[in-house]
Amino acid sequence: MRIGLISDTHGNTAAIDQAVELAGEIDLWLHAGDMIHDAEYLDMVYDAKVINVAGNCDWGNRSVPDEEVVEAGGHRIFLTHGHIYGVKGSPYGMVQAAQENGADIAVFGHSHVAFREKVDGVLLINPGSLAYPRDGGGQSFMVLELTEGAEPEIYHYHLEDRVASGKAGKGKKREKWFGLF
């Protein structure tokens, strides 16, 4: 199963379009907050199912939860924006929340910095920001590949890696990360 991971899009639907094109075939998109309307756009314009949560910039909109738990590819994924768990300071609030929800993977945003690390049995993933990256690597998103019984594979994409042909799924994958770090 191929899961697209995006966060902190902040109204940049052009970047969402580029990410969808670069990602290729995706079974499910997880949007980790900061702009509910962007997740609605993704769901309306593209075929894959979209699951999203509210971020700190989505205040006042109670139609979308702060957290979701998703079962996929033999894994349990805890999805949240991360601001509630202090992800800018430490991963441990996120680890604890994932464990309390029985999740072995946690996907979050908020910091605008791409991140992946396995901590206390939980694979923590932040795909970075498609709008305002703060890690010096440019606008980014990730694709999580899950196969039951196998370690998760993570592909980190940057929008500047697009190729001239514009074919879906073509482009450079900056790095390939595996589930054990």
N, C-alpha and C. Protein backbone atom coordinates (compact mmCIF):
# COMPACT_ATOMS: atom_id res chain seq x y z
N MET A 1 0.84 -1.17 0.00
CA MET A 1 0.00 0.00 0.00
C MET A 1 0.88 1.23 0.00
N ARG A 2 0.58 2.18 -0.89
CA ARG A 2 1.33 3.43 -0.99
C ARG A 2 0.49 4.57 -0.40
N ILE A 3 1.05 5.21 0.63
CA ILE A 3 0.36 6.27 1.34
C ILE A 3 1.14 7.57 1.17
N GLY A 4 0.49 8.59 0.61
CA GLY A 4 1.09 9.91 0.48
C GLY A 4 0.94 10.67 1.79
N LEU A 5 2.02 11.29 2.23
CA LEU A 5 2.03 12.03 3.49
C LEU A 5 2.34 13.49 3.21
N ILE A 6 1.40 14.38 3.53
CA ILE A 6 1.63 15.80 3.36
C ILE A 6 1.18 16.55 4.60
N SER A 7 1.74 17.74 4.78
CA SER A 7 1.38 18.57 5.92
C SER A 7 1.73 20.01 5.62
N ASP A 8 1.13 20.89 6.38
CA ASP A 8 1.48 22.31 6.35
C ASP A 8 1.50 22.86 4.93
N THR A 9 0.38 22.65 4.25
CA THR A 9 0.25 23.13 2.86
C THR A 9 -0.17 24.59 2.80
N HIS A 10 -0.82 25.11 3.81
CA HIS A 10 -1.14 26.53 3.97
C HIS A 10 -1.70 27.19 2.70
N GLY A 11 -2.62 26.51 2.04
CA GLY A 11 -3.30 27.09 0.89
C GLY A 11 -2.58 26.95 -0.44
N ASN A 12 -1.47 26.27 -0.47
CA ASN A 12 -0.69 26.14 -1.70
C ASN A 12 -1.17 24.92 -2.50
N THR A 13 -2.30 25.08 -3.19
CA THR A 13 -2.85 23.97 -3.96
C THR A 13 -1.99 23.64 -5.18
N ALA A 14 -1.24 24.60 -5.69
CA ALA A 14 -0.32 24.30 -6.79
C ALA A 14 0.75 23.31 -6.34
N ALA A 15 1.23 23.46 -5.11
CA ALA A 15 2.22 22.51 -4.58
C ALA A 15 1.58 21.14 -4.37
N ILE A 16 0.33 21.11 -3.95
CA ILE A 16 -0.37 19.84 -3.80
C ILE A 16 -0.46 19.14 -5.16
N ASP A 17 -0.82 19.88 -6.19
CA ASP A 17 -0.89 19.30 -7.54
C ASP A 17 0.46 18.72 -7.96
N GLN A 18 1.53 19.44 -7.68
CA GLN A 18 2.86 18.95 -8.04
C GLN A 18 3.22 17.69 -7.25
N ALA A 19 2.87 17.67 -5.98
CA ALA A 19 3.17 16.50 -5.15
C ALA A 19 2.41 15.28 -5.66
N VAL A 20 1.14 15.46 -5.99
CA VAL A 20 0.35 14.34 -6.50
C VAL A 20 0.96 13.80 -7.79
N GLU A 21 1.38 14.69 -8.67
CA GLU A 21 2.00 14.27 -9.93
C GLU A 21 3.31 13.52 -9.67
N LEU A 22 4.12 14.03 -8.78
CA LEU A 22 5.42 13.42 -8.50
C LEU A 22 5.29 12.09 -7.77
N ALA A 23 4.29 11.97 -6.93
CA ALA A 23 4.11 10.75 -6.13
C ALA A 23 3.71 9.54 -6.96
N GLY A 24 2.99 9.76 -8.04
CA GLY A 24 2.51 8.62 -8.83
C GLY A 24 1.30 7.97 -8.17
N GLU A 25 1.16 6.69 -8.35
CA GLU A 25 -0.01 5.94 -7.84
C GLU A 25 0.00 5.91 -6.31
N ILE A 26 -1.06 6.46 -5.72
CA ILE A 26 -1.21 6.51 -4.26
C ILE A 26 -2.56 5.91 -3.90
N ASP A 27 -2.56 5.07 -2.86
CA ASP A 27 -3.80 4.44 -2.40
C ASP A 27 -4.55 5.31 -1.39
N LEU A 28 -3.80 6.09 -0.62
CA LEU A 28 -4.37 6.88 0.46
C LEU A 28 -3.47 8.08 0.72
N TRP A 29 -4.08 9.23 0.96
CA TRP A 29 -3.33 10.43 1.37
C TRP A 29 -3.64 10.72 2.82
N LEU A 30 -2.61 11.02 3.61
CA LEU A 30 -2.78 11.50 4.97
C LEU A 30 -2.28 12.94 5.01
N HIS A 31 -3.17 13.86 5.40
CA HIS A 31 -2.82 15.27 5.51
C HIS A 31 -2.78 15.61 6.99
N ALA A 32 -1.58 15.99 7.47
CA ALA A 32 -1.37 16.21 8.90
C ALA A 32 -1.63 17.64 9.34
N GLY A 33 -2.56 18.31 8.68
CA GLY A 33 -3.02 19.60 9.18
C GLY A 33 -2.35 20.82 8.60
N ASP A 34 -2.94 21.90 8.96
CA ASP A 34 -2.65 23.25 8.51
C ASP A 34 -2.97 23.40 7.04
N MET A 35 -4.10 23.34 6.80
CA MET A 35 -5.22 23.87 6.10
C MET A 35 -6.18 22.77 5.70
N ILE A 36 -7.23 22.72 6.48
CA ILE A 36 -8.32 21.77 6.24
C ILE A 36 -8.82 21.88 4.81
N HIS A 37 -8.91 23.12 4.30
CA HIS A 37 -9.43 23.31 2.94
C HIS A 37 -8.52 22.67 1.90
N ASP A 38 -7.23 22.57 2.17
CA ASP A 38 -6.31 21.92 1.25
C ASP A 38 -6.58 20.42 1.18
N ALA A 39 -6.88 19.82 2.32
CA ALA A 39 -7.23 18.39 2.33
C ALA A 39 -8.54 18.16 1.59
N GLU A 40 -9.48 19.08 1.75
CA GLU A 40 -10.75 18.98 1.02
C GLU A 40 -10.50 19.11 -0.49
N TYR A 41 -9.60 20.00 -0.88
CA TYR A 41 -9.23 20.15 -2.30
C TYR A 41 -8.64 18.85 -2.83
N LEU A 42 -7.70 18.27 -2.09
CA LEU A 42 -7.06 17.02 -2.48
C LEU A 42 -8.10 15.92 -2.65
N ASP A 43 -9.02 15.83 -1.73
CA ASP A 43 -10.08 14.81 -1.78
C ASP A 43 -11.03 15.04 -2.95
N MET A 44 -11.31 16.28 -3.27
CA MET A 44 -12.26 16.61 -4.33
C MET A 44 -11.65 16.41 -5.72
N VAL A 45 -10.38 16.72 -5.88
CA VAL A 45 -9.76 16.75 -7.20
C VAL A 45 -9.12 15.41 -7.59
N TYR A 46 -8.69 14.62 -6.64
CA TYR A 46 -7.97 13.38 -6.94
C TYR A 46 -8.74 12.17 -6.44
N ASP A 47 -8.44 11.00 -7.01
CA ASP A 47 -9.20 9.78 -6.76
C ASP A 47 -8.93 9.12 -5.41
N ALA A 48 -7.73 9.19 -4.90
CA ALA A 48 -7.39 8.47 -3.68
C ALA A 48 -8.14 9.04 -2.47
N LYS A 49 -8.41 8.16 -1.53
CA LYS A 49 -9.04 8.58 -0.28
C LYS A 49 -8.10 9.50 0.49
N VAL A 50 -8.66 10.48 1.20
CA VAL A 50 -7.88 11.43 2.00
C VAL A 50 -8.38 11.39 3.44
N ILE A 51 -7.46 11.26 4.36
CA ILE A 51 -7.77 11.38 5.79
C ILE A 51 -6.95 12.55 6.31
N ASN A 52 -7.60 13.44 7.03
CA ASN A 52 -6.90 14.63 7.51
C ASN A 52 -7.29 14.98 8.92
N VAL A 53 -6.44 15.79 9.53
CA VAL A 53 -6.67 16.29 10.88
C VAL A 53 -6.49 17.81 10.87
N ALA A 54 -6.99 18.44 11.91
CA ALA A 54 -6.86 19.89 12.04
C ALA A 54 -5.51 20.24 12.64
N GLY A 55 -4.97 21.37 12.20
CA GLY A 55 -3.72 21.89 12.75
C GLY A 55 -3.96 23.14 13.56
N ASN A 56 -2.89 23.74 14.06
CA ASN A 56 -3.03 24.94 14.88
C ASN A 56 -3.55 26.13 14.08
N CYS A 57 -3.40 26.13 12.76
CA CYS A 57 -3.94 27.21 11.92
C CYS A 57 -5.38 26.95 11.48
N ASP A 58 -5.94 25.84 11.91
CA ASP A 58 -7.32 25.47 11.56
C ASP A 58 -8.27 25.73 12.73
N TRP A 59 -7.87 26.59 13.64
CA TRP A 59 -8.69 26.86 14.82
C TRP A 59 -10.08 27.35 14.41
N GLY A 60 -11.04 27.00 15.23
CA GLY A 60 -12.41 27.42 14.96
C GLY A 60 -13.19 26.45 14.09
N ASN A 61 -12.53 25.50 13.46
CA ASN A 61 -13.21 24.53 12.61
C ASN A 61 -13.28 23.21 13.37
N ARG A 62 -14.43 22.91 13.89
CA ARG A 62 -14.61 21.68 14.68
C ARG A 62 -15.12 20.51 13.85
N SER A 63 -15.18 20.65 12.53
CA SER A 63 -15.67 19.57 11.69
C SER A 63 -14.62 18.50 11.43
N VAL A 64 -13.37 18.80 11.75
CA VAL A 64 -12.26 17.86 11.53
C VAL A 64 -11.59 17.60 12.87
N PRO A 65 -11.33 16.34 13.19
CA PRO A 65 -10.71 16.02 14.49
C PRO A 65 -9.24 16.41 14.55
N ASP A 66 -8.72 16.47 15.76
CA ASP A 66 -7.30 16.75 15.98
C ASP A 66 -6.44 15.50 15.77
N GLU A 67 -7.07 14.33 15.86
CA GLU A 67 -6.34 13.06 15.76
C GLU A 67 -7.18 12.04 15.01
N GLU A 68 -6.50 11.14 14.31
CA GLU A 68 -7.14 10.00 13.66
C GLU A 68 -6.22 8.80 13.83
N VAL A 69 -6.80 7.61 13.87
CA VAL A 69 -6.04 6.38 13.86
C VAL A 69 -6.45 5.62 12.61
N VAL A 70 -5.46 5.23 11.82
CA VAL A 70 -5.69 4.60 10.52
C VAL A 70 -5.04 3.22 10.52
N GLU A 71 -5.80 2.21 10.12
CA GLU A 71 -5.26 0.85 9.94
C GLU A 71 -4.92 0.69 8.47
N ALA A 72 -3.66 0.34 8.18
CA ALA A 72 -3.25 0.19 6.78
C ALA A 72 -2.03 -0.72 6.68
N GLY A 73 -2.07 -1.65 5.74
CA GLY A 73 -0.92 -2.49 5.45
C GLY A 73 -0.36 -3.23 6.64
N GLY A 74 -1.22 -3.65 7.57
CA GLY A 74 -0.75 -4.37 8.75
C GLY A 74 -0.17 -3.46 9.83
N HIS A 75 -0.37 -2.16 9.71
CA HIS A 75 0.13 -1.19 10.69
C HIS A 75 -1.01 -0.33 11.20
N ARG A 76 -0.76 0.26 12.36
CA ARG A 76 -1.71 1.20 12.95
C ARG A 76 -1.00 2.55 12.99
N ILE A 77 -1.60 3.55 12.31
CA ILE A 77 -0.98 4.86 12.15
C ILE A 77 -1.75 5.90 12.96
N PHE A 78 -1.04 6.63 13.81
CA PHE A 78 -1.60 7.73 14.57
C PHE A 78 -1.30 9.00 13.79
N LEU A 79 -2.34 9.74 13.38
CA LEU A 79 -2.20 10.96 12.59
C LEU A 79 -2.66 12.15 13.42
N THR A 80 -1.81 13.15 13.54
CA THR A 80 -2.14 14.39 14.23
C THR A 80 -1.23 15.49 13.71
N HIS A 81 -1.57 16.74 13.98
CA HIS A 81 -0.71 17.82 13.50
C HIS A 81 0.57 17.91 14.32
N GLY A 82 0.46 17.72 15.62
CA GLY A 82 1.64 17.69 16.47
C GLY A 82 1.78 18.83 17.46
N HIS A 83 1.07 19.93 17.22
CA HIS A 83 1.19 21.08 18.12
C HIS A 83 0.74 20.75 19.53
N ILE A 84 -0.24 19.88 19.66
CA ILE A 84 -0.76 19.50 20.98
C ILE A 84 0.30 18.72 21.78
N TYR A 85 1.21 18.06 21.07
CA TYR A 85 2.20 17.18 21.70
C TYR A 85 3.60 17.77 21.77
N GLY A 86 3.75 19.04 21.46
CA GLY A 86 5.03 19.72 21.60
C GLY A 86 6.14 19.17 20.71
N VAL A 87 5.80 18.85 19.47
CA VAL A 87 6.78 18.21 18.58
C VAL A 87 7.97 19.09 18.22
N LYS A 88 7.85 20.38 18.41
CA LYS A 88 9.00 21.25 18.12
C LYS A 88 10.10 21.10 19.17
N GLY A 89 9.74 20.58 20.33
CA GLY A 89 10.73 20.46 21.41
C GLY A 89 11.24 19.06 21.65
N SER A 90 10.36 18.07 21.50
CA SER A 90 10.72 16.69 21.83
C SER A 90 9.77 15.72 21.14
N PRO A 91 10.27 14.56 20.76
CA PRO A 91 9.38 13.56 20.14
C PRO A 91 8.58 12.74 21.16
N TYR A 92 8.87 12.88 22.43
CA TYR A 92 8.32 11.95 23.41
C TYR A 92 6.82 12.09 23.65
N GLY A 93 6.27 13.27 23.53
CA GLY A 93 4.82 13.41 23.63
C GLY A 93 4.12 12.67 22.49
N MET A 94 4.71 12.73 21.31
CA MET A 94 4.15 12.03 20.16
C MET A 94 4.28 10.51 20.33
N VAL A 95 5.40 10.07 20.83
CA VAL A 95 5.61 8.63 21.07
C VAL A 95 4.57 8.12 22.05
N GLN A 96 4.36 8.84 23.14
CA GLN A 96 3.40 8.42 24.16
C GLN A 96 1.99 8.38 23.59
N ALA A 97 1.60 9.40 22.81
CA ALA A 97 0.25 9.43 22.22
C ALA A 97 0.06 8.26 21.25
N ALA A 98 1.07 7.98 20.45
CA ALA A 98 0.98 6.86 19.52
C ALA A 98 0.82 5.55 20.28
N GLN A 99 1.64 5.35 21.31
CA GLN A 99 1.56 4.13 22.11
C GLN A 99 0.21 3.99 22.78
N GLU A 100 -0.33 5.08 23.31
CA GLU A 100 -1.64 5.04 23.95
C GLU A 100 -2.74 4.67 22.97
N ASN A 101 -2.53 4.95 21.69
CA ASN A 101 -3.49 4.60 20.65
C ASN A 101 -3.16 3.30 19.95
N GLY A 102 -2.18 2.56 20.47
CA GLY A 102 -1.81 1.27 19.91
C GLY A 102 -1.16 1.37 18.54
N ALA A 103 -0.56 2.51 18.22
CA ALA A 103 0.02 2.73 16.90
C ALA A 103 1.51 2.44 16.89
N ASP A 104 1.99 1.89 15.79
CA ASP A 104 3.42 1.67 15.62
C ASP A 104 4.03 2.72 14.69
N ILE A 105 3.18 3.57 14.08
CA ILE A 105 3.62 4.66 13.23
C ILE A 105 2.86 5.92 13.66
N ALA A 106 3.56 7.06 13.72
CA ALA A 106 2.91 8.34 14.00
C ALA A 106 3.31 9.32 12.90
N VAL A 107 2.31 9.95 12.29
CA VAL A 107 2.53 10.94 11.24
C VAL A 107 2.06 12.28 11.78
N PHE A 108 2.92 13.31 11.64
CA PHE A 108 2.60 14.63 12.17
C PHE A 108 3.28 15.70 11.32
N GLY A 109 2.97 16.94 11.62
CA GLY A 109 3.55 18.09 10.93
C GLY A 109 3.98 19.12 11.95
N HIS A 110 3.53 20.35 11.75
CA HIS A 110 3.68 21.50 12.63
C HIS A 110 5.05 22.17 12.57
N SER A 111 6.13 21.43 12.61
CA SER A 111 7.46 22.04 12.66
C SER A 111 7.94 22.51 11.30
N HIS A 112 7.33 22.03 10.22
CA HIS A 112 7.74 22.34 8.85
C HIS A 112 9.14 21.78 8.55
N VAL A 113 9.57 20.80 9.33
CA VAL A 113 10.87 20.17 9.17
C VAL A 113 10.66 18.68 8.96
N ALA A 114 11.18 18.15 7.84
CA ALA A 114 11.06 16.72 7.58
C ALA A 114 11.83 15.95 8.64
N PHE A 115 11.22 14.84 9.08
CA PHE A 115 11.77 14.09 10.20
C PHE A 115 11.32 12.65 10.10
N ARG A 116 12.18 11.73 10.43
CA ARG A 116 11.81 10.33 10.57
C ARG A 116 12.80 9.69 11.54
N GLU A 117 12.23 8.99 12.50
CA GLU A 117 13.06 8.31 13.48
C GLU A 117 12.19 7.30 14.22
N LYS A 118 12.78 6.18 14.55
CA LYS A 118 12.07 5.19 15.34
C LYS A 118 12.48 5.39 16.80
N VAL A 119 11.49 5.65 17.65
CA VAL A 119 11.72 5.92 19.06
C VAL A 119 10.80 5.01 19.87
N ASP A 120 11.39 4.22 20.73
CA ASP A 120 10.62 3.33 21.61
C ASP A 120 9.58 2.51 20.85
N GLY A 121 9.96 2.02 19.68
CA GLY A 121 9.08 1.15 18.90
C GLY A 121 8.08 1.86 18.01
N VAL A 122 8.09 3.19 18.01
CA VAL A 122 7.17 3.97 17.18
C VAL A 122 7.96 4.67 16.08
N LEU A 123 7.55 4.46 14.84
CA LEU A 123 8.16 5.15 13.71
C LEU A 123 7.51 6.52 13.59
N LEU A 124 8.27 7.58 13.88
CA LEU A 124 7.78 8.96 13.81
C LEU A 124 8.11 9.53 12.44
N ILE A 125 7.10 10.12 11.78
CA ILE A 125 7.32 10.67 10.44
C ILE A 125 6.69 12.05 10.34
N ASN A 126 7.49 13.03 9.93
CA ASN A 126 7.01 14.36 9.58
C ASN A 126 7.44 14.59 8.13
N PRO A 127 6.50 14.74 7.20
CA PRO A 127 6.87 14.89 5.78
C PRO A 127 7.42 16.26 5.42
N GLY A 128 7.53 17.18 6.36
CA GLY A 128 7.96 18.54 6.06
C GLY A 128 6.77 19.36 5.59
N SER A 129 7.03 20.48 4.97
CA SER A 129 5.96 21.37 4.52
C SER A 129 5.99 21.55 3.02
N LEU A 130 4.80 21.52 2.41
CA LEU A 130 4.68 21.81 0.99
C LEU A 130 4.61 23.31 0.72
N ALA A 131 4.46 24.11 1.76
CA ALA A 131 4.32 25.55 1.56
C ALA A 131 5.52 26.35 2.08
N TYR A 132 5.89 26.13 3.34
CA TYR A 132 6.92 26.94 3.98
C TYR A 132 7.92 26.05 4.72
N PRO A 133 8.78 25.35 4.00
CA PRO A 133 9.75 24.47 4.67
C PRO A 133 10.74 25.26 5.52
N ARG A 134 11.12 24.67 6.63
CA ARG A 134 12.07 25.33 7.54
C ARG A 134 13.35 24.51 7.73
N ASP A 135 13.56 23.53 6.87
CA ASP A 135 14.72 22.66 7.07
C ASP A 135 15.80 22.84 6.01
N GLY A 136 15.64 23.82 5.14
CA GLY A 136 16.64 24.07 4.12
C GLY A 136 16.59 23.13 2.93
N GLY A 137 15.68 22.18 2.96
CA GLY A 137 15.61 21.18 1.90
C GLY A 137 14.57 21.47 0.84
N GLY A 138 13.79 22.50 0.99
CA GLY A 138 12.76 22.83 0.02
C GLY A 138 11.43 22.16 0.35
N GLN A 139 10.42 22.51 -0.44
CA GLN A 139 9.07 21.98 -0.24
C GLN A 139 9.10 20.45 -0.36
N SER A 140 8.51 19.77 0.63
CA SER A 140 8.62 18.32 0.61
C SER A 140 7.37 17.61 1.09
N PHE A 141 7.32 16.33 0.73
CA PHE A 141 6.30 15.40 1.18
C PHE A 141 6.95 14.03 1.18
N MET A 142 6.22 13.04 1.67
CA MET A 142 6.77 11.68 1.70
C MET A 142 5.74 10.68 1.20
N VAL A 143 6.23 9.54 0.81
CA VAL A 143 5.40 8.40 0.47
C VAL A 143 5.82 7.25 1.37
N LEU A 144 4.85 6.67 2.03
CA LEU A 144 5.07 5.55 2.93
C LEU A 144 4.55 4.30 2.24
N GLU A 145 5.42 3.32 2.05
CA GLU A 145 5.01 2.05 1.45
C GLU A 145 4.92 1.00 2.54
N LEU A 146 3.73 0.42 2.66
CA LEU A 146 3.49 -0.60 3.68
C LEU A 146 3.15 -1.93 3.04
N THR A 147 3.85 -2.95 3.45
CA THR A 147 3.57 -4.32 3.05
C THR A 147 3.48 -5.13 4.33
N GLU A 148 2.40 -5.82 4.50
CA GLU A 148 2.20 -6.58 5.73
C GLU A 148 3.35 -7.54 5.94
N GLY A 149 3.91 -7.53 7.15
CA GLY A 149 5.01 -8.41 7.50
C GLY A 149 6.38 -7.86 7.15
N ALA A 150 6.44 -6.69 6.50
CA ALA A 150 7.72 -6.08 6.12
C ALA A 150 7.89 -4.74 6.81
N GLU A 151 9.13 -4.30 6.92
CA GLU A 151 9.40 -2.98 7.48
C GLU A 151 8.87 -1.90 6.54
N PRO A 152 8.32 -0.82 7.07
CA PRO A 152 7.86 0.29 6.24
C PRO A 152 9.02 0.90 5.45
N GLU A 153 8.72 1.34 4.24
CA GLU A 153 9.69 2.07 3.44
C GLU A 153 9.17 3.50 3.28
N ILE A 154 10.08 4.46 3.39
CA ILE A 154 9.72 5.88 3.32
C ILE A 154 10.53 6.54 2.21
N TYR A 155 9.82 7.23 1.32
CA TYR A 155 10.47 7.98 0.25
C TYR A 155 10.20 9.46 0.48
N HIS A 156 11.25 10.24 0.48
CA HIS A 156 11.16 11.68 0.74
C HIS A 156 11.34 12.41 -0.58
N TYR A 157 10.34 13.18 -0.97
CA TYR A 157 10.35 13.91 -2.24
C TYR A 157 10.44 15.41 -1.98
N HIS A 158 11.11 16.09 -2.90
CA HIS A 158 11.15 17.54 -2.90
C HIS A 158 10.61 18.02 -4.24
N LEU A 159 9.83 19.08 -4.23
CA LEU A 159 9.18 19.53 -5.46
C LEU A 159 10.18 19.96 -6.52
N GLU A 160 11.33 20.47 -6.15
CA GLU A 160 12.29 20.88 -7.17
C GLU A 160 12.89 19.69 -7.91
N ASP A 161 12.57 18.47 -7.49
CA ASP A 161 13.08 17.27 -8.15
C ASP A 161 12.23 16.85 -9.34
N ARG A 162 11.21 17.61 -9.67
CA ARG A 162 10.36 17.27 -10.81
C ARG A 162 11.20 17.18 -12.08
N VAL A 163 10.80 16.30 -12.95
CA VAL A 163 11.53 16.16 -14.22
C VAL A 163 10.74 16.81 -15.34
N ALA A 164 11.42 17.13 -16.42
CA ALA A 164 10.80 17.86 -17.53
C ALA A 164 9.67 17.09 -18.18
N SER A 165 9.73 15.76 -18.16
CA SER A 165 8.68 14.97 -18.84
C SER A 165 7.32 15.16 -18.20
N GLY A 166 7.31 15.45 -16.89
CA GLY A 166 6.05 15.68 -16.18
C GLY A 166 5.21 14.43 -15.99
N LYS A 167 5.77 13.26 -16.24
CA LYS A 167 5.01 12.02 -16.07
C LYS A 167 4.84 11.72 -14.59
N ALA A 168 3.67 11.26 -14.24
CA ALA A 168 3.38 10.94 -12.84
C ALA A 168 4.35 9.88 -12.35
N GLY A 169 4.84 10.10 -11.14
CA GLY A 169 5.71 9.12 -10.52
C GLY A 169 7.16 9.26 -10.94
N LYS A 170 7.47 10.09 -11.88
CA LYS A 170 8.86 10.29 -12.29
C LYS A 170 9.44 11.45 -11.50
N GLY A 171 10.69 11.39 -11.23
CA GLY A 171 11.35 12.43 -10.46
C GLY A 171 12.31 11.78 -9.50
N LYS A 172 13.09 12.56 -8.87
CA LYS A 172 14.08 12.03 -7.95
C LYS A 172 13.46 11.85 -6.58
N LYS A 173 13.76 10.74 -5.97
CA LYS A 173 13.43 10.53 -4.58
C LYS A 173 14.69 10.90 -3.84
N ARG A 174 14.66 11.96 -3.08
CA ARG A 174 15.85 12.43 -2.40
C ARG A 174 16.51 11.33 -1.61
N GLU A 175 15.72 10.65 -0.82
CA GLU A 175 16.27 9.61 0.03
C GLU A 175 15.24 8.52 0.18
N LYS A 176 15.70 7.34 0.41
CA LYS A 176 14.82 6.23 0.76
C LYS A 176 15.16 5.85 2.18
N TRP A 177 14.17 5.88 3.04
CA TRP A 177 14.39 5.55 4.44
C TRP A 177 13.64 4.28 4.76
N PHE A 178 14.22 3.43 5.54
CA PHE A 178 13.57 2.21 5.97
C PHE A 178 13.10 2.38 7.41
N GLY A 179 12.27 1.46 7.86
CA GLY A 179 11.63 1.58 9.16
C GLY A 179 12.56 1.45 10.35
N LEU A 180 13.72 0.87 10.20
CA LEU A 180 14.65 0.74 11.32
C LEU A 180 15.74 1.77 11.18
N PHE A 181 15.94 2.56 12.22
CA PHE A 181 16.94 3.63 12.14
C PHE A 181 17.96 3.49 13.25
